Protein backbone atom coordinates (compact mmCIF):
# COMPACT_ATOMS: atom_id res chain seq x y z
CA MET A 1 197.37 120.13 -59.45
CA ASP A 2 201.03 120.30 -60.36
CA GLU A 3 202.24 117.15 -58.64
CA LYS A 4 205.89 117.92 -59.42
CA LEU A 5 205.71 121.07 -57.33
CA LEU A 6 203.76 119.52 -54.48
CA CYS A 7 205.87 116.37 -54.36
CA ARG A 8 209.25 118.02 -54.28
CA ILE A 9 211.25 115.46 -52.34
CA GLU A 10 211.61 111.69 -52.46
CA PRO A 11 208.84 110.44 -50.18
CA VAL A 12 209.59 108.63 -46.95
CA LYS A 13 207.26 105.69 -46.39
CA LEU A 14 206.74 102.75 -44.08
CA ARG A 15 205.92 99.16 -44.89
CA GLU A 16 202.89 97.80 -43.07
CA THR A 17 205.15 95.31 -41.28
CA ASP A 18 207.45 98.02 -39.85
CA SER A 19 207.18 98.45 -36.09
CA LEU A 20 205.81 101.50 -34.33
CA SER A 21 209.27 102.20 -32.90
CA VAL A 22 210.59 102.47 -36.48
CA ALA A 23 207.71 104.80 -37.36
CA ILE A 24 208.41 107.08 -34.40
CA ARG A 25 212.11 107.19 -35.22
CA VAL A 26 211.41 108.10 -38.87
CA LEU A 27 208.79 110.70 -37.92
CA THR A 28 211.01 112.40 -35.35
CA GLU A 29 214.30 112.23 -37.28
CA ASN A 30 212.66 113.73 -40.36
CA ARG A 31 210.38 116.10 -38.41
CA LEU A 32 207.32 114.82 -40.26
CA SER A 33 203.73 114.98 -39.07
CA ALA A 34 202.58 111.84 -40.90
CA LEU A 35 203.85 108.94 -42.94
CA PRO A 36 202.22 106.75 -45.53
CA VAL A 37 201.99 103.03 -44.83
CA VAL A 38 202.25 100.88 -47.95
CA ASN A 39 202.05 97.18 -48.76
CA GLU A 40 204.58 95.14 -50.76
CA ARG A 41 203.14 96.52 -54.05
CA ASP A 42 203.59 100.15 -52.87
CA GLU A 43 199.81 100.56 -52.60
CA LEU A 44 198.68 102.87 -49.84
CA VAL A 45 197.32 100.99 -46.85
CA GLY A 46 196.81 104.10 -44.72
CA THR A 47 198.69 106.77 -42.84
CA ILE A 48 200.20 107.03 -39.41
CA GLY A 49 200.49 110.50 -37.95
CA VAL A 50 201.75 112.23 -34.87
CA ASN A 51 198.26 113.27 -33.76
CA GLY A 52 196.97 109.70 -34.00
CA LEU A 53 199.92 108.44 -31.97
CA LEU A 54 199.37 111.06 -29.29
CA GLU A 55 195.71 110.01 -29.09
CA LYS A 56 196.89 106.52 -28.11
CA LEU A 57 198.25 108.05 -24.89
CA LEU A 58 194.90 109.45 -23.75
CA PRO A 59 192.49 107.66 -21.43
CA ARG A 60 189.30 106.38 -23.07
CA SER A 61 187.16 108.87 -21.15
CA ILE A 62 189.04 111.78 -22.73
CA LEU A 63 188.86 110.17 -26.18
CA ALA A 64 185.09 109.87 -25.80
CA VAL A 65 184.83 113.62 -25.17
CA LEU A 66 187.01 114.35 -28.19
CA GLU A 67 185.02 111.97 -30.42
CA ARG A 68 181.77 113.75 -29.52
CA GLY A 69 183.31 116.89 -30.97
CA ASP A 70 182.61 119.00 -27.90
CA ASP A 71 184.18 122.43 -28.03
CA VAL A 72 184.85 122.22 -24.29
CA MET A 73 188.33 121.15 -23.20
CA PRO A 74 188.00 118.15 -20.88
CA HIS A 75 188.98 118.66 -17.25
CA LEU A 76 192.35 116.92 -16.84
CA SER A 77 193.31 117.70 -13.24
CA PHE A 78 192.63 114.07 -12.26
CA MET A 79 195.52 112.91 -14.46
CA ALA A 80 199.07 112.76 -13.19
CA ASP A 81 201.38 114.90 -15.29
CA ASN A 82 203.97 112.17 -15.50
CA THR A 83 205.96 111.88 -18.71
CA ASP A 84 207.42 108.55 -17.54
CA GLU A 85 203.92 107.03 -17.54
CA LEU A 86 203.19 108.44 -20.99
CA SER A 87 206.50 107.13 -22.27
CA ASP A 88 205.80 103.68 -20.82
CA LYS A 89 202.37 103.63 -22.45
CA LEU A 90 203.89 104.49 -25.82
CA HIS A 91 206.68 101.92 -25.44
CA GLU A 92 204.08 99.20 -24.80
CA LEU A 93 203.22 99.61 -28.50
CA ASP A 94 206.84 99.60 -29.77
CA ASP A 95 206.70 96.23 -31.54
CA MET A 96 203.21 96.62 -33.00
CA PRO A 97 203.23 96.67 -36.81
CA VAL A 98 202.20 100.06 -38.19
CA GLY A 99 199.78 98.30 -40.53
CA GLU A 100 197.63 97.62 -37.44
CA LEU A 101 197.78 101.26 -36.32
CA ALA A 102 197.44 102.97 -39.70
CA ASP A 103 194.42 105.13 -40.42
CA ARG A 104 192.94 103.13 -43.29
CA ASN A 105 190.27 105.77 -43.86
CA ALA A 106 192.71 108.62 -44.37
CA PRO A 107 191.61 110.85 -47.25
CA VAL A 108 193.73 110.81 -50.39
CA ILE A 109 194.13 113.01 -53.43
CA TYR A 110 195.07 112.04 -56.96
CA PRO A 111 197.62 113.50 -59.37
CA ASP A 112 194.75 115.11 -61.30
CA SER A 113 192.94 116.45 -58.20
CA PRO A 114 192.51 120.22 -57.93
CA ALA A 115 195.02 121.85 -55.58
CA MET A 116 192.08 123.31 -53.64
CA GLU A 117 191.16 119.78 -52.55
CA ALA A 118 194.54 119.48 -50.81
CA VAL A 119 194.06 122.92 -49.24
CA LEU A 120 190.66 121.93 -47.83
CA LEU A 121 191.91 118.62 -46.43
CA LEU A 122 194.89 120.29 -44.77
CA LEU A 123 192.67 123.01 -43.31
CA ARG A 124 190.31 120.35 -42.02
CA GLY A 125 193.16 119.11 -39.86
CA GLU A 126 194.76 116.30 -41.82
CA ASP A 127 198.43 115.90 -40.87
CA ASP A 128 199.56 115.43 -44.48
CA VAL A 129 197.64 114.10 -47.47
CA PRO A 130 198.80 111.14 -49.58
CA VAL A 131 198.80 111.37 -53.36
CA VAL A 132 197.95 108.02 -54.96
CA GLU A 133 197.27 106.81 -58.47
CA ARG A 134 193.53 106.74 -58.99
CA GLU A 135 193.25 103.24 -60.48
CA THR A 136 195.87 101.36 -58.48
CA ARG A 137 196.18 103.34 -55.19
CA LYS A 138 199.94 103.16 -55.76
CA PHE A 139 201.54 105.69 -53.44
CA ARG A 140 203.23 108.70 -55.08
CA CYS A 141 204.00 111.20 -52.31
CA MET A 142 202.65 113.12 -49.31
CA VAL A 143 201.52 116.74 -49.51
CA SER A 144 202.00 118.88 -46.42
CA ALA A 145 200.83 122.39 -45.69
CA LEU A 146 204.45 123.53 -46.01
CA ASP A 147 204.76 121.92 -49.45
CA LEU A 148 201.59 123.67 -50.51
CA LEU A 149 202.78 127.06 -49.21
CA HIS A 150 206.10 126.58 -51.00
CA THR A 151 204.27 125.80 -54.24
CA LEU A 152 202.02 128.84 -53.88
CA GLN A 153 204.99 131.06 -53.09
CA GLU A 154 206.81 129.83 -56.20
CA GLY A 155 203.68 130.61 -58.23
CA VAL A 156 203.66 134.18 -56.94
CA ALA A 157 207.35 134.60 -57.80
CA LYS A 158 206.74 133.62 -61.45
């Protein structure tokens, strides 16, 4: 994989002690779908993504249906369609450190991984995929589907 093409911009990252409110601000201001969470040595701790945050707003009964992998959309008519309640639920987590919310099992790729590995992870539904050094897990950058398309488009132009 040509990491220089996939990692085109200086990566935005969070420290594991940053609050969720900081994470949401960074995600929304930069229009990102996920952010890496790193420790003081810049080693990847996990990722925090928009989809994972939205899951925190769902009742447990709906999460159970989603976790089973059913193809049937759960019946939601019992839920009030109240954005104020959803906003309140999210704000209850404002001060929580992102290190506690990070997906510590998020898949990673390495600078020497085949580009197809990134394609498969992105197609499988990963928000973005972190690139880390194989031996140290030091964070390098995030690869998004848009980065990958840009790289492929540049390859076609050559």
